[in-house]
Protein backbone atom coordinates (compact mmCIF):
# COMPACT_ATOMS: atom_id res chain seq x y z
CA MET A 1 3.62 -6.47 -15.27
CA ALA A 2 3.69 -4.73 -12.51
CA ALA A 3 3.65 -1.22 -12.44
CA ARG A 4 7.11 1.54 -12.19
CA SER A 5 7.40 2.86 -9.09
CA VAL A 6 8.48 6.30 -7.92
CA GLY A 7 12.62 6.43 -8.21
CA LEU A 8 15.23 8.87 -6.95
CA LEU A 9 13.60 12.67 -7.52
CA ALA A 10 16.91 14.33 -9.88
CA ARG A 11 18.19 17.49 -9.16
CA SER A 12 16.55 19.98 -11.14
CA PRO A 13 15.18 23.51 -11.17
CA LEU A 14 11.55 22.85 -11.08
CA CYS A 15 9.87 24.75 -8.75
CA ALA A 16 7.76 27.60 -9.90
CA GLN A 17 8.72 29.55 -6.69
CA SER A 18 10.41 29.68 -3.47
CA ARG A 19 7.99 28.64 -0.75
CA THR A 20 7.49 30.97 2.90
CA PRO A 21 9.67 30.50 5.55
CA VAL A 22 8.45 27.00 7.26
CA ARG A 23 6.75 27.23 11.05
CA LEU A 24 5.57 24.38 12.57
CA ALA A 25 2.01 26.14 13.19
CA ALA A 26 -1.43 24.15 13.55
CA VAL A 27 -1.74 20.66 13.46
CA ARG A 28 -3.28 19.55 9.40
CA LEU A 29 -5.89 17.37 8.67
CA LEU A 30 -4.94 15.20 5.93
CA SER A 31 -7.63 15.36 3.06
CA GLY A 32 -10.16 12.31 2.91
CA ALA A 33 -9.21 11.66 -0.87
CA GLY A 34 -9.08 8.64 -2.02
CA PRO A 35 -10.71 5.39 -1.52
CA VAL A 36 -9.36 4.78 2.45
CA ALA A 37 -11.85 8.10 3.49
CA ALA A 38 -14.84 5.91 1.87
CA ASP A 39 -13.59 3.04 3.58
CA ILE A 40 -14.03 4.67 6.76
CA GLY A 41 -16.18 7.16 7.01
CA ARG A 42 -13.93 10.28 7.10
CA GLU A 43 -15.35 13.61 5.43
CA GLU A 44 -13.20 15.60 2.48
CA GLN A 45 -11.53 18.57 3.39
CA LEU A 46 -9.14 20.62 2.03
CA PRO A 47 -5.24 20.26 2.90
CA GLY A 48 -4.04 22.69 5.91
CA GLY A 49 -7.38 23.20 7.70
CA GLY A 50 -8.66 21.36 10.58
CA GLU A 51 -7.62 19.31 13.49
CA THR A 52 -6.35 15.60 13.50
CA GLY A 53 -8.49 12.88 12.28
CA SER A 54 -8.33 11.62 16.05
CA GLU A 55 -11.16 14.21 16.87
CA ASP A 56 -13.06 13.08 13.71
CA LYS A 57 -16.26 11.87 15.25
CA THR A 58 -17.94 9.88 12.32
CA PRO A 59 -18.35 6.30 12.62
CA LYS A 60 -16.12 4.45 11.28
CA LYS A 61 -16.21 0.67 9.28
CA ARG A 62 -14.84 -2.40 10.82
CA PHE A 63 -12.19 -3.79 8.20
CA SER A 64 -14.70 -7.17 8.09
CA GLU A 65 -17.26 -5.09 6.79
CA VAL A 66 -15.26 -3.13 4.30
CA GLN A 67 -13.68 -6.78 2.93
CA GLU A 68 -17.54 -7.80 2.39
CA GLU A 69 -19.11 -4.82 0.49
CA ARG A 70 -15.80 -4.56 -1.66
CA ARG A 71 -16.19 -8.38 -2.59
CA GLU A 72 -20.08 -8.09 -3.40
CA GLN A 73 -19.79 -4.82 -5.42
CA ALA A 74 -16.67 -6.78 -7.40
CA GLN A 75 -19.29 -10.01 -8.00
CA ARG A 76 -21.67 -7.02 -9.74
CA THR A 77 -18.67 -6.05 -11.98
CA VAL A 78 -17.56 -6.87 -15.03
CA LEU A 79 -14.27 -6.13 -16.92
CA ILE A 80 -14.26 -5.58 -20.94
CA HIS A 81 -11.35 -5.15 -23.28
CA CYS A 82 -12.64 -1.82 -25.56
CA PRO A 83 -11.14 -0.51 -28.91
CA HIS A 84 -10.07 2.61 -28.67
CA LYS A 85 -12.73 4.50 -30.84
CA PHE A 86 -16.07 4.12 -30.02
CA SER A 87 -19.27 5.55 -28.45
CA GLU A 88 -19.53 5.64 -24.65
CA LYS A 89 -22.62 6.43 -24.43
CA LYS A 90 -23.82 3.95 -27.13
CA PHE A 91 -21.62 1.59 -25.09
CA LEU A 92 -23.52 2.05 -22.10
CA LYS A 93 -27.23 2.04 -23.23
CA TYR A 94 -26.13 -1.64 -24.34
CA LEU A 95 -24.79 -2.80 -21.60
CA SER A 96 -27.92 -1.41 -19.42
CA GLN A 97 -30.55 -3.37 -21.74
CA HIS A 98 -29.01 -6.47 -18.91
CA GLY A 99 -29.79 -4.11 -16.20
CA PRO A 100 -29.03 -0.38 -14.11
CA ILE A 101 -25.60 0.52 -14.38
CA ASN A 102 -24.09 1.50 -10.84
CA ASN A 103 -21.03 2.69 -11.86
CA HIS A 104 -17.97 2.28 -14.19
CA PHE A 105 -14.29 3.87 -15.28
CA PHE A 106 -11.79 3.64 -18.47
CA TYR A 107 -8.51 2.72 -17.83
CA GLU A 108 -5.51 1.98 -20.03
CA SER A 109 -3.33 -0.66 -19.39
CA LEU A 110 -1.88 -2.66 -22.67
CA GLY A 111 -5.21 -1.19 -24.45
CA LEU A 112 -8.26 0.18 -23.16
CA TYR A 113 -10.39 -1.41 -20.99
CA ALA A 114 -13.70 -0.57 -18.76
CA VAL A 115 -14.83 -1.52 -15.34
CA VAL A 116 -18.69 -1.67 -15.12
CA GLU A 117 -20.75 -2.63 -11.73
CA PHE A 118 -24.22 -3.37 -12.31
CA ALA A 119 -27.02 -3.01 -9.50
CA GLN A 120 -27.92 -5.98 -9.37
CA LYS A 121 -25.57 -9.39 -9.79
CA GLU A 122 -28.52 -11.28 -11.88
CA SER A 123 -27.35 -8.68 -14.51
CA VAL A 124 -23.83 -10.15 -14.68
CA GLY A 125 -25.34 -13.30 -15.44
CA SER A 126 -27.76 -12.15 -18.24
CA LEU A 127 -24.64 -10.45 -19.88
CA GLN A 128 -22.68 -13.85 -20.16
CA SER A 129 -26.01 -15.43 -21.35
CA GLY A 130 -25.51 -13.07 -24.96
CA THR A 131 -21.97 -13.20 -25.21
CA LEU A 132 -20.06 -15.34 -27.73
CA THR A 133 -16.90 -17.74 -27.67
CA PRO A 134 -15.12 -16.29 -30.42
CA ARG A 135 -13.89 -18.19 -33.11
CA LEU A 136 -9.74 -17.92 -34.04
CA GLY A 137 -9.68 -19.94 -37.23
CA ALA A 138 -6.84 -21.68 -36.54
CA GLU A 139 -6.32 -21.51 -33.19
CA ALA A 140 -8.33 -23.09 -30.85
CA ALA A 141 -10.43 -20.98 -28.40
CA ILE A 142 -10.73 -22.44 -24.63
CA PRO A 143 -14.46 -21.89 -23.88
CA PHE A 144 -14.01 -20.58 -20.34
CA ARG A 145 -17.01 -18.06 -19.26
CA SER A 146 -15.92 -15.23 -17.26
CA ARG A 147 -16.51 -12.03 -16.19
CA PHE A 148 -13.75 -11.13 -18.48
CA LEU A 149 -15.20 -9.84 -21.93
CA SER A 150 -14.06 -7.66 -24.90
CA LEU A 151 -16.37 -5.70 -26.76
CA LYS A 152 -16.17 -5.81 -30.90
CA LEU A 153 -17.83 -3.39 -33.41
CA LYS A 154 -19.78 -5.00 -36.02
CA ASN A 155 -19.60 -2.26 -37.80
CA ALA A 156 -16.50 -0.48 -37.12
CA GLY A 157 -16.71 2.35 -39.99
CA GLY A 158 -20.16 3.60 -38.45
CA GLN A 159 -18.22 4.61 -35.49
CA PRO A 160 -16.74 7.90 -34.59
CA SER A 161 -13.68 9.06 -36.73
CA GLU A 162 -11.87 10.37 -33.07
CA PRO A 163 -11.26 8.97 -30.35
CA PRO A 164 -13.59 8.66 -27.39
CA SER A 165 -13.81 11.16 -24.52
CA VAL A 166 -13.45 9.01 -21.79
CA ARG A 167 -11.64 10.02 -19.40
CA ALA A 168 -8.88 7.40 -18.31
CA SER A 169 -8.46 6.74 -14.46
CA GLN A 170 -4.70 6.92 -13.26
CA GLN A 171 -3.25 3.18 -12.22
CA LEU A 172 0.10 4.01 -11.87
CA PRO A 173 1.92 6.69 -9.75
CA PRO A 174 2.98 9.88 -10.87
CA SER A 175 6.30 10.45 -12.32
CA SER A 176 9.33 11.77 -10.08
CA GLN A 177 9.40 14.87 -11.94
CA ARG A 178 5.65 15.96 -11.44
CA LEU A 179 5.74 14.50 -7.91
CA LEU A 180 9.01 17.29 -6.99
CA GLU A 181 7.07 19.85 -8.59
CA ARG A 182 3.96 19.34 -6.70
CA LEU A 183 6.14 19.04 -3.60
CA CYS A 184 7.60 21.89 -4.42
CA ARG A 185 4.70 24.30 -4.65
CA ALA A 186 3.30 23.32 -0.87
CA GLU A 187 3.62 25.77 1.55
CA SER A 188 4.99 23.70 4.78
CA VAL A 189 6.38 20.28 5.40
CA GLY A 190 3.19 19.31 6.83
CA ASP A 191 1.56 20.15 3.73
CA GLN A 192 4.43 18.35 1.79
CA LEU A 193 3.41 14.88 2.98
CA ASP A 194 -0.21 15.43 2.83
CA THR A 195 0.66 16.32 -1.28
CA LEU A 196 3.15 13.08 -1.09
CA LEU A 197 0.14 11.14 0.12
CA LYS A 198 -2.61 12.17 -2.00
CA GLU A 199 -0.42 11.37 -4.82
CA LEU A 200 0.79 7.76 -3.98
CA GLN A 201 -2.16 6.34 -2.33
CA LEU A 202 -4.48 4.18 -4.03
CA THR A 203 -7.22 5.04 -5.61
CA GLU A 204 -11.13 4.49 -5.69
CA GLU A 205 -11.05 2.86 -8.84
CA ASN A 206 -7.80 1.41 -8.39
CA VAL A 207 -8.97 -0.50 -4.85
CA ARG A 208 -11.81 -1.66 -7.28
CA LEU A 209 -10.08 -3.05 -10.03
CA ARG A 210 -8.11 -5.25 -7.37
CA TYR A 211 -11.44 -6.22 -5.71
CA LEU A 212 -12.53 -7.08 -9.64
CA THR A 213 -8.86 -9.25 -10.19
CA CYS A 214 -9.30 -11.20 -6.89
CA SER A 215 -13.00 -11.89 -7.89
CA LEU A 216 -11.78 -12.86 -11.42
CA ILE A 217 -9.44 -15.31 -9.99
CA GLU A 218 -12.01 -16.50 -7.29
CA ASP A 219 -14.02 -17.54 -10.51
CA VAL A 220 -11.08 -19.62 -11.55
CA ALA A 221 -10.48 -21.60 -8.53
CA ALA A 222 -14.08 -22.00 -7.96
CA ALA A 223 -13.57 -24.81 -10.85
CA TYR A 224 -12.39 -27.05 -8.24
CA PHE A 225 -13.48 -25.28 -4.86
CA PRO A 226 -17.09 -23.84 -5.39
CA ASP A 227 -17.64 -21.90 -2.33
CA CYS A 228 -13.96 -20.30 -2.30
CA THR A 229 -13.01 -16.98 -1.36
CA VAL A 230 -10.25 -15.02 -3.00
CA ARG A 231 -9.19 -11.94 -0.55
CA PRO A 232 -7.10 -9.60 -1.42
CA PHE A 233 -4.50 -8.77 2.02
CA GLY A 234 -1.41 -6.53 2.28
CA SER A 235 -0.84 -2.88 0.87
CA SER A 236 -3.97 -3.37 -0.87
CA VAL A 237 -6.44 -3.42 1.65
CA ASN A 238 -4.49 -1.95 5.04
CA THR A 239 -4.29 1.85 3.42
CA PHE A 240 -0.26 1.82 3.40
CA GLY A 241 -0.49 0.56 -0.41
CA LYS A 242 0.47 2.99 -3.29
CA LEU A 243 -0.45 3.07 -6.57
CA GLY A 244 1.52 0.69 -8.70
CA CYS A 245 1.91 -2.08 -6.07
CA ASP A 246 1.45 -5.61 -6.37
CA LEU A 247 -1.54 -7.15 -5.30
CA ASP A 248 -1.51 -10.20 -2.61
CA MET A 249 -4.28 -12.56 -2.39
CA PHE A 250 -5.53 -15.42 -0.40
CA LEU A 251 -7.47 -18.64 -1.21
CA ASP A 252 -9.37 -19.11 1.72
CA LEU A 253 -10.81 -22.61 2.05
CA ASP A 254 -11.83 -22.47 5.43
CA GLU A 255 -14.86 -20.70 5.20
CA ILE A 256 -16.15 -23.77 2.72
CA GLY A 257 -17.64 -26.00 5.64
CA LYS A 258 -18.61 -23.16 7.91
CA ARG A 259 -21.40 -22.47 5.28
CA SER A 260 -23.03 -26.08 4.90
CA THR A 261 -25.33 -26.66 7.69
CA PRO A 262 -25.59 -30.15 8.60
CA LYS A 263 -28.91 -32.23 8.72
CA THR A 264 -29.04 -34.53 11.08
CA VAL A 265 -31.90 -37.20 11.17
CA GLY A 266 -31.88 -40.24 13.84
CA ASN A 267 -28.73 -40.78 14.35
CA PHE A 268 -27.02 -40.36 10.81
CA LEU A 269 -24.73 -37.84 9.48
CA LEU A 270 -23.36 -37.32 5.86
CA GLU A 271 -20.03 -36.29 5.17
CA PHE A 272 -18.30 -35.43 1.73
CA GLN A 273 -15.43 -37.99 0.98
CA VAL A 274 -12.36 -36.27 0.74
CA LYS A 275 -8.30 -37.19 -0.53
CA ASN A 276 -5.94 -37.32 2.67
CA VAL A 277 -2.31 -35.97 2.71
CA PRO A 278 0.56 -36.68 5.26
CA SER A 279 0.10 -32.33 6.28
CA GLU A 280 -1.97 -29.39 5.38
CA ARG A 281 1.33 -28.05 4.14
CA ILE A 282 1.25 -30.77 1.34
CA ALA A 283 -2.10 -30.19 1.07
CA THR A 284 -1.17 -26.47 0.76
CA GLN A 285 1.52 -27.15 -2.48
CA LYS A 286 -1.37 -29.39 -4.24
CA ILE A 287 -3.73 -26.96 -3.85
CA LEU A 288 -2.00 -24.17 -5.08
CA SER A 289 -0.37 -26.67 -8.16
CA VAL A 290 -3.60 -27.23 -9.31
CA ILE A 291 -4.84 -23.62 -9.40
CA GLY A 292 -1.62 -22.66 -10.40
CA GLU A 293 -1.74 -24.98 -13.48
CA CYS A 294 -5.62 -23.74 -14.59
CA LEU A 295 -4.77 -20.14 -14.31
CA ASP A 296 -1.83 -20.82 -16.60
CA HIS A 297 -3.94 -22.86 -19.19
CA PHE A 298 -7.32 -21.20 -18.40
CA GLY A 299 -6.88 -18.09 -17.39
CA PRO A 300 -7.97 -14.91 -19.30
CA GLY A 301 -4.91 -12.44 -19.26
CA CYS A 302 -2.73 -14.76 -16.99
CA VAL A 303 0.44 -14.64 -17.73
CA GLY A 304 3.71 -15.56 -16.63
CA VAL A 305 2.78 -18.50 -14.37
CA GLN A 306 5.21 -19.36 -11.55
CA LYS A 307 4.88 -21.76 -8.77
CA ILE A 308 6.78 -21.11 -5.24
CA LEU A 309 5.41 -24.20 -3.87
CA ASN A 310 8.78 -24.37 -1.53
CA ALA A 311 9.25 -21.36 0.06
CA ARG A 312 8.32 -20.92 3.59
CA CYS A 313 4.63 -19.65 2.40
CA PRO A 314 4.24 -21.69 -1.28
CA LEU A 315 2.45 -19.15 -3.56
CA VAL A 316 1.44 -18.42 -7.14
CA ARG A 317 2.80 -15.69 -8.60
CA PHE A 318 1.64 -14.62 -12.09
CA SER A 319 1.38 -10.96 -13.98
CA HIS A 320 -2.71 -10.44 -14.62
CA GLN A 321 -2.80 -8.68 -18.02
CA ALA A 322 -5.48 -6.93 -18.03
CA SER A 323 -5.42 -5.15 -14.91
CA GLY A 324 -1.00 -4.51 -15.05
CA PHE A 325 -0.83 -6.24 -11.68
CA GLN A 326 1.78 -8.69 -10.13
CA CYS A 327 -0.21 -11.09 -8.24
CA ASP A 328 0.73 -13.75 -5.29
CA LEU A 329 -1.71 -16.14 -4.55
CA THR A 330 -1.34 -18.03 -1.58
CA THR A 331 -3.50 -20.01 0.97
CA ASN A 332 -3.48 -20.86 4.85
CA ASN A 333 -2.11 -17.72 5.50
CA ARG A 334 -4.55 -16.39 7.76
CA ILE A 335 -2.23 -14.19 9.88
CA ALA A 336 -0.88 -12.30 7.19
CA LEU A 337 -4.87 -10.84 6.65
CA LYS A 338 -4.85 -10.17 10.45
CA SER A 339 -1.91 -8.54 9.86
CA SER A 340 -3.76 -6.29 7.19
CA GLU A 341 -6.77 -5.79 9.38
CA LEU A 342 -3.98 -4.51 12.37
CA LEU A 343 -2.09 -1.97 10.20
CA TYR A 344 -5.93 -0.98 8.84
CA LEU A 345 -6.84 -0.04 11.98
CA TYR A 346 -3.45 2.25 12.67
CA GLY A 347 -4.57 4.10 9.72
CA ALA A 348 -8.17 4.68 10.57
CA LEU A 349 -7.15 5.88 14.15
CA ASP A 350 -5.12 8.99 13.14
CA SER A 351 -4.66 11.10 10.15
CA ARG A 352 -1.04 12.06 10.38
CA VAL A 353 -0.36 7.73 10.69
CA ARG A 354 -0.96 7.38 6.64
CA ALA A 355 0.77 10.43 5.80
CA LEU A 356 4.00 9.91 7.89
CA VAL A 357 4.42 5.99 7.29
CA PHE A 358 4.44 7.06 3.27
CA SER A 359 6.93 9.67 3.49
CA VAL A 360 9.33 7.81 5.40
CA ARG A 361 8.56 4.94 2.66
CA CYS A 362 9.17 6.98 -0.07
CA TRP A 363 11.86 8.62 1.40
CA ALA A 364 13.68 4.71 2.10
CA ARG A 365 13.13 4.12 -1.54
CA ALA A 366 14.68 6.60 -2.61
CA HIS A 367 17.64 5.85 -0.98
CA SER A 368 17.88 2.42 -2.28
CA LEU A 369 17.21 1.58 1.70
CA THR A 370 14.49 -1.01 0.66
CA SER A 371 14.30 -3.03 -2.89
CA SER A 372 11.37 -4.87 -4.88
CA ILE A 373 14.10 -7.12 -4.86
CA PRO A 374 14.59 -9.73 -1.58
CA GLY A 375 18.00 -8.77 -0.10
CA ALA A 376 19.25 -7.49 2.70
CA TRP A 377 17.53 -4.54 2.71
CA ILE A 378 15.06 -3.13 4.77
CA THR A 379 11.20 -3.49 4.05
CA ASN A 380 7.83 -1.63 3.91
CA PHE A 381 6.69 -3.86 6.48
CA SER A 382 9.62 -3.54 9.15
CA LEU A 383 9.28 0.48 8.01
CA THR A 384 5.78 0.69 9.01
CA MET A 385 6.16 -0.95 12.50
CA MET A 386 9.24 1.63 13.10
CA VAL A 387 6.12 4.08 12.64
CA ILE A 388 3.76 3.17 14.38
CA PHE A 389 6.56 2.11 17.10
CA PHE A 390 7.83 5.64 17.78
CA LEU A 391 3.84 7.49 17.65
CA GLN A 392 3.87 4.70 20.30
CA ARG A 393 6.24 6.35 22.07
CA ARG A 394 4.62 9.96 21.98
CA SER A 395 3.61 11.74 24.74
CA PRO A 396 0.66 11.95 24.89
CA PRO A 397 1.13 8.22 22.73
CA ILE A 398 -0.49 9.03 19.47
CA LEU A 399 -0.90 5.08 18.81
CA PRO A 400 -2.28 2.17 21.57
CA THR A 401 0.09 -0.79 21.57
CA LEU A 402 -1.22 -3.78 20.30
CA GLU A 403 -1.56 -5.07 23.75
CA SER A 404 -4.19 -2.26 24.94
CA LEU A 405 -5.82 -3.14 22.11
CA LYS A 406 -6.01 -6.92 23.04
CA ALA A 407 -7.39 -5.61 26.39
CA LEU A 408 -10.26 -3.42 24.70
CA ALA A 409 -11.90 -6.86 22.54
CA SER A 410 -14.76 -8.37 23.08
CA ALA A 411 -15.33 -12.14 23.06
CA GLU A 412 -16.28 -11.91 19.41
CA ASP A 413 -13.35 -10.47 18.45
CA LYS A 414 -10.97 -13.29 20.36
CA CYS A 415 -8.77 -14.77 17.54
CA VAL A 416 -6.18 -17.54 18.03
CA ILE A 417 -4.89 -18.35 14.43
CA GLU A 418 -1.87 -21.58 14.88
CA GLY A 419 -1.79 -21.04 18.18
CA ASN A 420 -0.78 -17.43 18.41
CA ASN A 421 -3.12 -14.84 19.96
CA CYS A 422 -4.49 -12.19 17.46
CA THR A 423 -6.89 -10.69 19.64
CA PHE A 424 -7.91 -7.27 19.65
CA VAL A 425 -10.74 -5.09 19.00
CA ARG A 426 -12.13 -4.62 15.42
CA ASP A 427 -14.55 -2.10 16.29
CA LEU A 428 -13.05 1.58 15.57
CA ASN A 429 -15.29 3.60 18.16
CA LYS A 430 -14.36 1.30 21.14
CA ILE A 431 -10.46 3.10 20.66
CA GLN A 432 -10.49 6.57 22.94
CA PRO A 433 -8.60 9.64 19.83
CA SER A 434 -5.49 10.55 21.08
CA ARG A 435 -4.81 13.94 22.96
CA ASN A 436 -1.98 14.25 21.10
CA THR A 437 -1.68 17.56 18.90
CA GLU A 438 1.88 17.59 17.86
CA PRO A 439 2.14 18.90 13.96
CA LEU A 440 3.35 16.35 10.84
CA GLU A 441 6.98 18.06 10.40
CA LEU A 442 7.72 17.73 14.13
CA LEU A 443 6.84 13.90 13.73
CA LEU A 444 8.86 13.47 10.21
CA LYS A 445 11.89 15.63 12.23
CA GLU A 446 11.83 13.49 15.74
CA PHE A 447 11.00 10.27 13.71
CA PHE A 448 14.76 10.21 12.09
CA GLU A 449 16.05 12.05 15.12
CA TYR A 450 14.51 9.01 17.23
CA PHE A 451 16.13 6.24 15.48
CA GLY A 452 19.37 8.21 13.59
CA ASN A 453 20.41 7.70 17.97
CA PHE A 454 17.97 4.48 18.25
CA ALA A 455 20.24 1.68 20.71
CA PHE A 456 20.07 -1.45 17.77
CA ASN A 457 22.97 -2.71 19.19
CA LYS A 458 20.81 -3.87 22.13
CA ASN A 459 17.07 -3.35 22.04
CA SER A 460 14.21 -4.54 20.28
CA ILE A 461 11.12 -2.95 18.58
CA ASN A 462 7.89 -4.36 19.80
CA ILE A 463 4.19 -2.71 19.28
CA ARG A 464 2.75 -5.45 21.34
CA GLN A 465 4.40 -3.48 24.40
CA GLY A 466 4.92 -0.52 23.06
CA ARG A 467 8.62 0.12 24.05
CA GLU A 468 12.36 -0.38 24.17
CA GLN A 469 13.30 -4.13 25.03
CA ASN A 470 16.29 -6.08 25.24
CA LYS A 471 16.85 -8.36 21.97
CA PRO A 472 16.37 -12.01 22.32
CA ASP A 473 19.08 -12.28 19.58
CA SER A 474 22.30 -10.91 17.89
CA SER A 475 20.48 -10.03 14.32
CA PRO A 476 21.27 -5.92 13.30
CA LEU A 477 17.68 -4.88 13.52
CA HIS A 478 15.21 -7.00 15.36
CA ILE A 479 11.37 -5.81 14.80
CA GLN A 480 9.44 -8.34 16.57
CA ASN A 481 6.03 -9.92 14.57
CA PRO A 482 3.61 -8.55 16.43
CA PHE A 483 1.53 -11.55 16.26
CA GLU A 484 4.35 -14.66 15.59
CA THR A 485 6.06 -13.09 18.70
CA SER A 486 8.92 -15.32 18.53
CA LEU A 487 9.84 -14.15 14.69
CA ASN A 488 11.80 -10.71 13.48
CA ILE A 489 10.23 -9.72 10.47
CA SER A 490 13.68 -7.62 9.82
CA ARG A 491 16.05 -10.57 10.49
CA ASN A 492 17.15 -10.45 6.86
CA VAL A 493 18.43 -6.67 7.29
CA SER A 494 22.49 -6.26 7.26
CA GLN A 495 24.54 -4.38 9.79
CA SER A 496 25.77 -2.06 6.55
CA GLN A 497 22.19 -1.15 5.51
CA LEU A 498 21.37 -0.81 9.54
CA GLN A 499 23.85 1.85 9.48
CA LYS A 500 23.26 3.57 6.09
CA PHE A 501 19.62 3.80 7.63
CA VAL A 502 21.24 5.34 10.68
CA ASP A 503 23.40 7.30 8.73
CA LEU A 504 20.47 9.12 6.39
CA ALA A 505 18.07 9.64 9.28
CA ARG A 506 20.86 11.56 11.34
CA GLU A 507 21.43 13.39 7.81
CA SER A 508 17.59 14.11 7.51
CA ALA A 509 16.82 15.33 11.02
CA TRP A 510 19.32 17.87 10.70
CA LEU A 511 18.32 19.28 7.21
CA LEU A 512 14.54 19.42 8.80
CA GLN A 513 15.82 20.85 11.70
CA GLN A 514 17.52 23.82 9.82
CA ASP A 515 14.24 24.86 8.05
CA GLY A 516 12.57 24.52 11.57
CA GLU A 517 14.85 27.42 12.80
CA GLY A 518 14.38 29.09 9.56
CA GLY A 519 17.92 27.94 8.09
CA PRO A 520 19.17 28.95 4.93
CA ALA A 521 16.45 29.14 2.60
CA PRO A 522 17.00 27.60 -1.03
CA ALA A 523 16.64 29.70 -4.08
CA PRO A 524 13.72 30.16 -6.07
CA ARG A 525 13.14 26.84 -8.01
CA GLN A 526 15.36 24.81 -5.99
CA PRO A 527 13.66 21.69 -3.79
CA TRP A 528 13.48 22.38 -0.06
CA GLY A 529 12.23 20.58 2.84
CA LEU A 530 10.46 16.70 2.13
CA ALA A 531 11.63 17.12 -1.59
CA ALA A 532 15.03 18.03 -0.33
CA LEU A 533 15.30 14.95 1.70
CA LEU A 534 13.91 12.38 -1.35
CA LEU A 535 16.99 13.88 -3.33
CA PRO A 536 19.97 11.30 -3.48
CA SER A 537 22.44 11.90 -0.58
CA VAL A 538 26.36 12.20 -1.42
CA ARG A 539 26.15 8.92 -0.55
CA ASP A 540 23.84 7.32 -3.00
CA SER A 541 26.26 9.46 -5.88
CA ARG A 542 27.39 6.73 -8.48
CA SER A 543 30.39 9.40 -9.50
CA LEU A 544 31.89 9.14 -6.05
CA SER A 545 34.46 6.46 -5.31
CA LYS A 546 34.49 3.85 -2.36
CA LYS A 547 36.91 5.65 -0.30
CA GLN A 548 34.08 8.83 -0.92
CA ASN A 549 31.23 6.48 -0.35
CA ARG A 550 32.72 5.76 3.30
CA ARG A 551 32.37 9.20 4.43
CA PRO A 552 30.63 10.23 8.02
CA ALA A 553 27.08 11.67 7.80
CA SER A 554 28.46 14.67 9.47
CA GLU A 555 30.79 15.29 6.09
CA ARG A 556 28.10 14.90 3.48
CA ILE A 557 25.91 17.07 5.85
CA LYS A 558 28.23 19.88 5.51
CA SER A 559 28.56 19.22 1.93
CA LEU A 560 24.83 19.55 1.26
CA LEU A 561 24.32 22.36 3.57
CA GLU A 562 27.65 24.28 0.98
CA SER A 563 25.51 23.11 -2.14
CA ILE A 564 22.17 24.83 -0.33
CA LYS A 565 24.04 28.18 -0.03
CA GLU A 566 25.64 28.26 -3.30
CA HIS A 567 21.88 28.61 -4.62
CA SER A 568 21.08 30.67 -2.43
CA PRO A 569 21.71 34.25 -4.04
CA ASP A 570 21.66 36.16 -0.97
CA SER A 571 23.82 34.23 0.91
CA PRO A 572 26.09 35.15 2.84
CA THR A 573 30.16 34.35 2.11
CA ALA A 574 30.62 32.87 5.81
CA THR A 575 28.00 31.77 8.65
CA ASP A 576 27.06 33.71 11.36
CA GLY A 577 28.51 31.38 13.74
CA LYS A 578 24.34 31.07 15.44
CA ARG A 579 24.05 27.19 13.67
CA THR A 580 26.46 25.09 14.82
CA MET A 581 26.35 21.11 14.16
CA SER A 582 23.77 18.90 15.51
CA THR A 583 24.65 16.31 18.20
CA HIS A 584 23.06 14.12 16.11
CA THR A 585 25.29 14.07 13.50
């Protein structure tokens, strides 16, 4: 049930007006729209105004604070499957008899659903106490009491004849057509990056739904482990997730023992009797196996359950029909949660970070450099590490190295997981803001230039040190895992895929350079700037033969430029000799 993702943008005349010439102007503060702004305390501002987010003096919340607030909020929330014709006002009045309602919203996913947040947790228990177990006639119902409910109308004929006038919140990314239209209407490349971020980032409602889904799965797991916690991690919480991304969940059992306060009298101490197994991996496999069975047999809305227990990190994969999320449930995966916290921190430090990451990821997906299917492709995590590394290499740096974050850490920040030092400062307010004021359009162009000329054959990417280092192995692409430093997170990437990345990076840098120099402006209604970078390149055209697909980047760039000139109404028949091919090709 994973939602669709943004595919390749088609070459279509969608722009209603031509752009004004792009100039590298003042830095723009990204809008605070969406859940990230609420989580880290930024004020919402209009695109194109203000300065870099690094100068924002508003105190920013720690990752752990956001997680606990969201989790507590989810525990006061219910999910209700609603009929398509009913009175929203009467519906809320009916629910409010169990207690005041803080928030609610509707969304579509194989039906109409309502997410309702009460002010007190006790209201959920009151609602459940008055909820019936359905009678299904010939079929038998498993009487599992969850917070996933169905609204039935006792007198459907007396309800309004028109569909409800409720506004369903957006749970899917925009279509390629709509995204291209929005990008073409922007006034600069920097505004395009800002627009892309707003269109693709997780909405407040989508984040609430993700935490609620984790909370519903926690209710199922609590049948075996009453004090367990199910936490979202990865893209759902690190501020780099886009609408439609999968939901990664972590079954946390380590907190169970910490919540108990042992009482000793004299020489006596009580411990629970437990069953022993040979290793922690076997324990993980057994726990996930039984939770998977429970989700399959008793979990409302959980379908397509797969127990993938022999993977390097054992997991249970399933679709949650009501939310539309494809879910992966793991346990004993604390380093992944710590990596999510690190990315959250980097995303909160400067407003340009997320805009650049979203644009690079979208660009990579448009050219099939990344894929939802495992293989030799670059992953989104690797791309994010590359952006962070690039921003650490700026002068002055936009982002600090992991080692400098470790140096700022206090005793309470100390964290060692499975022998790996995962310590870094968690209080964002202790980190000095960057003095770098480079605009987004410049950063995007120079990101492509930097990695278009990077010595991948001998150097490794390492965000701990923030500098190029000799590769420890012969992998085409080596990106050091920030915490498990002996691991290469891009070990799967093949030489051909890396070369494709380099070629496309050089091509994109060249096209952006032409934009910045006032090169041939596209005709009205033609994609430009970031929108042009998201178009299928000559290399990706399925109509070309294999021999043509192997043409070097410089030839493809010439073809793209000729295509741009042909669509320009006032384009000269010959060049003026002022523009030559970049050395990056």
